[in-house]
């Protein structure tokens, strides 16, 4: 498991590599919540259900054009 880092803001983060080879970050208010979210992401990756949250920034119109 990657190291949980405490940020100057008091939040915690884990940096990891997603299934597409890109760096991803999970940031939460507590270290335990950060680890739990990371474990859920690992499970999603293992099942092939992982969703890149950056894709959520795409507009419906641009998504429809791609589809």
N, C-alpha and C. Protein backbone atom coordinates (compact mmCIF):
# COMPACT_ATOMS: atom_id res chain seq x y z
N UNK A 1 0.85 -1.17 0.00
CA UNK A 1 0.00 0.00 0.00
C UNK A 1 0.90 1.24 0.00
N UNK A 2 0.56 2.22 -0.83
CA UNK A 2 1.33 3.46 -0.83
C UNK A 2 1.22 4.17 0.52
N UNK A 3 2.19 5.00 0.78
CA UNK A 3 2.25 5.74 2.04
C UNK A 3 1.17 6.82 2.08
N UNK A 4 0.52 6.96 3.23
CA UNK A 4 -0.44 8.04 3.44
C UNK A 4 0.36 9.26 3.89
N UNK A 5 0.18 10.38 3.20
CA UNK A 5 0.91 11.61 3.52
C UNK A 5 -0.03 12.62 4.19
N UNK A 6 0.45 13.28 5.21
CA UNK A 6 -0.32 14.36 5.83
C UNK A 6 0.06 15.65 5.13
N UNK A 7 -0.94 16.40 4.71
CA UNK A 7 -0.72 17.66 4.00
C UNK A 7 -0.72 18.83 4.99
N UNK A 8 -0.14 19.96 4.60
CA UNK A 8 -0.14 21.13 5.48
C UNK A 8 -1.55 21.57 5.88
N UNK A 9 -2.54 21.28 5.05
CA UNK A 9 -3.93 21.65 5.35
C UNK A 9 -4.55 20.78 6.44
N UNK A 10 -3.86 19.67 6.80
CA UNK A 10 -4.40 18.74 7.77
C UNK A 10 -5.08 17.54 7.14
N UNK A 11 -5.29 17.57 5.83
CA UNK A 11 -5.87 16.44 5.11
C UNK A 11 -4.79 15.39 4.87
N UNK A 12 -5.22 14.22 4.39
CA UNK A 12 -4.30 13.13 4.09
C UNK A 12 -4.49 12.72 2.64
N UNK A 13 -3.39 12.25 2.01
CA UNK A 13 -3.50 11.82 0.62
C UNK A 13 -2.68 10.57 0.37
N UNK A 14 -3.12 9.83 -0.64
CA UNK A 14 -2.39 8.69 -1.17
C UNK A 14 -2.26 8.92 -2.66
N UNK A 15 -1.05 8.76 -3.15
CA UNK A 15 -0.82 8.84 -4.59
C UNK A 15 -0.55 7.43 -5.11
N UNK A 16 -1.16 7.09 -6.25
CA UNK A 16 -1.00 5.75 -6.82
C UNK A 16 -1.12 5.84 -8.33
N UNK A 17 -0.86 4.73 -9.01
CA UNK A 17 -0.97 4.66 -10.46
C UNK A 17 -2.27 3.95 -10.81
N UNK A 18 -3.06 4.58 -11.70
CA UNK A 18 -4.34 3.98 -12.09
C UNK A 18 -4.12 2.92 -13.16
N UNK A 19 -5.17 2.21 -13.57
CA UNK A 19 -5.01 1.14 -14.56
C UNK A 19 -4.48 1.60 -15.91
N UNK A 20 -4.56 2.89 -16.21
CA UNK A 20 -4.08 3.42 -17.48
C UNK A 20 -2.65 3.96 -17.38
N UNK A 21 -2.01 3.74 -16.21
CA UNK A 21 -0.64 4.16 -16.02
C UNK A 21 -0.47 5.62 -15.62
N UNK A 22 -1.57 6.29 -15.30
CA UNK A 22 -1.49 7.70 -14.90
C UNK A 22 -1.47 7.80 -13.38
N UNK A 23 -0.85 8.86 -12.89
CA UNK A 23 -0.83 9.10 -11.45
C UNK A 23 -2.22 9.56 -11.00
N UNK A 24 -2.69 9.03 -9.89
CA UNK A 24 -3.97 9.41 -9.32
C UNK A 24 -3.77 9.74 -7.85
N UNK A 25 -4.64 10.58 -7.31
CA UNK A 25 -4.52 11.01 -5.92
C UNK A 25 -5.87 10.88 -5.23
N UNK A 26 -5.85 10.38 -4.01
CA UNK A 26 -7.04 10.36 -3.16
C UNK A 26 -6.72 11.22 -1.95
N UNK A 27 -7.55 12.21 -1.69
CA UNK A 27 -7.35 13.11 -0.55
C UNK A 27 -8.62 13.10 0.30
N UNK A 28 -8.47 12.86 1.59
CA UNK A 28 -9.58 12.85 2.53
C UNK A 28 -9.16 13.54 3.82
N UNK A 29 -10.13 13.76 4.72
CA UNK A 29 -9.85 14.47 5.97
C UNK A 29 -9.13 13.62 7.00
N UNK A 30 -9.32 12.31 6.97
CA UNK A 30 -8.64 11.44 7.94
C UNK A 30 -7.81 10.39 7.21
N UNK A 31 -6.77 9.90 7.89
CA UNK A 31 -5.93 8.87 7.29
C UNK A 31 -6.72 7.59 7.07
N UNK A 32 -7.59 7.25 8.03
CA UNK A 32 -8.39 6.03 7.89
C UNK A 32 -9.33 6.10 6.70
N UNK A 33 -9.95 7.25 6.49
CA UNK A 33 -10.86 7.43 5.36
C UNK A 33 -10.08 7.37 4.04
N UNK A 34 -8.88 7.92 4.05
CA UNK A 34 -8.04 7.89 2.85
C UNK A 34 -7.68 6.45 2.49
N UNK A 35 -7.28 5.67 3.51
CA UNK A 35 -6.94 4.26 3.25
C UNK A 35 -8.16 3.47 2.79
N UNK A 36 -9.31 3.71 3.39
CA UNK A 36 -10.53 2.99 3.01
C UNK A 36 -10.92 3.31 1.56
N UNK A 37 -10.82 4.57 1.17
CA UNK A 37 -11.15 4.96 -0.20
C UNK A 37 -10.17 4.32 -1.18
N UNK A 38 -8.90 4.26 -0.80
CA UNK A 38 -7.90 3.62 -1.65
C UNK A 38 -8.19 2.13 -1.81
N UNK A 39 -8.55 1.46 -0.71
CA UNK A 39 -8.88 0.03 -0.79
C UNK A 39 -10.09 -0.21 -1.68
N UNK A 40 -11.09 0.68 -1.61
CA UNK A 40 -12.25 0.56 -2.52
C UNK A 40 -11.81 0.73 -3.96
N UNK A 41 -10.91 1.67 -4.22
CA UNK A 41 -10.41 1.88 -5.58
C UNK A 41 -9.65 0.64 -6.07
N UNK A 42 -8.86 0.02 -5.19
CA UNK A 42 -8.15 -1.21 -5.57
C UNK A 42 -9.13 -2.32 -5.94
N UNK A 43 -10.19 -2.46 -5.14
CA UNK A 43 -11.21 -3.46 -5.44
C UNK A 43 -11.89 -3.18 -6.77
N UNK A 44 -12.20 -1.92 -7.03
CA UNK A 44 -12.81 -1.55 -8.30
C UNK A 44 -11.88 -1.87 -9.46
N UNK A 45 -10.57 -1.61 -9.28
CA UNK A 45 -9.61 -1.92 -10.34
C UNK A 45 -9.55 -3.42 -10.59
N UNK A 46 -9.57 -4.21 -9.53
CA UNK A 46 -9.50 -5.67 -9.67
C UNK A 46 -10.73 -6.22 -10.39
N UNK A 47 -11.89 -5.60 -10.16
CA UNK A 47 -13.13 -6.05 -10.82
C UNK A 47 -13.33 -5.42 -12.20
N UNK A 48 -12.45 -4.47 -12.57
CA UNK A 48 -12.61 -3.79 -13.85
C UNK A 48 -13.68 -2.72 -13.82
N UNK A 49 -14.01 -2.23 -12.62
CA UNK A 49 -15.07 -1.23 -12.47
C UNK A 49 -14.54 0.15 -12.09
N UNK A 50 -13.23 0.32 -12.09
CA UNK A 50 -12.63 1.59 -11.68
C UNK A 50 -13.01 2.68 -12.68
N UNK A 51 -13.42 3.82 -12.15
CA UNK A 51 -13.80 4.96 -12.99
C UNK A 51 -12.84 6.10 -12.70
N UNK A 52 -12.26 6.64 -13.75
CA UNK A 52 -11.37 7.79 -13.60
C UNK A 52 -12.22 9.01 -13.27
N UNK A 53 -12.03 9.57 -12.08
CA UNK A 53 -12.85 10.71 -11.65
C UNK A 53 -12.64 11.93 -12.55
N UNK A 54 -11.49 12.01 -13.19
CA UNK A 54 -11.25 13.14 -14.10
C UNK A 54 -12.18 13.08 -15.31
N UNK A 55 -12.64 11.90 -15.66
CA UNK A 55 -13.60 11.78 -16.76
C UNK A 55 -14.94 12.42 -16.38
N UNK A 56 -15.22 12.55 -15.11
CA UNK A 56 -16.44 13.19 -14.64
C UNK A 56 -16.49 14.67 -14.95
N UNK A 57 -15.38 15.25 -15.32
CA UNK A 57 -15.33 16.67 -15.66
C UNK A 57 -15.76 16.93 -17.10
N UNK A 58 -16.03 15.89 -17.83
CA UNK A 58 -16.42 16.01 -19.23
C UNK A 58 -17.89 16.44 -19.30
N UNK A 59 -18.19 17.33 -20.23
CA UNK A 59 -19.58 17.77 -20.39
C UNK A 59 -20.40 16.70 -21.10
N UNK A 60 -21.69 16.74 -20.92
CA UNK A 60 -22.59 15.78 -21.56
C UNK A 60 -22.49 15.92 -23.07
N UNK A 61 -22.41 17.14 -23.54
CA UNK A 61 -22.31 17.37 -24.99
C UNK A 61 -21.08 16.74 -25.61
N UNK A 62 -19.92 16.91 -24.96
CA UNK A 62 -18.69 16.31 -25.52
C UNK A 62 -18.72 14.80 -25.39
N UNK A 63 -19.34 14.29 -24.31
CA UNK A 63 -19.47 12.86 -24.16
C UNK A 63 -20.36 12.29 -25.28
N UNK A 64 -21.47 12.97 -25.59
CA UNK A 64 -22.37 12.52 -26.64
C UNK A 64 -21.67 12.52 -28.00
N UNK A 65 -20.84 13.52 -28.24
CA UNK A 65 -20.09 13.55 -29.50
C UNK A 65 -19.14 12.36 -29.62
N UNK A 66 -18.50 12.00 -28.51
CA UNK A 66 -17.57 10.85 -28.53
C UNK A 66 -18.33 9.53 -28.69
N UNK A 67 -19.52 9.48 -28.09
CA UNK A 67 -20.31 8.25 -28.12
C UNK A 67 -20.87 8.05 -29.50
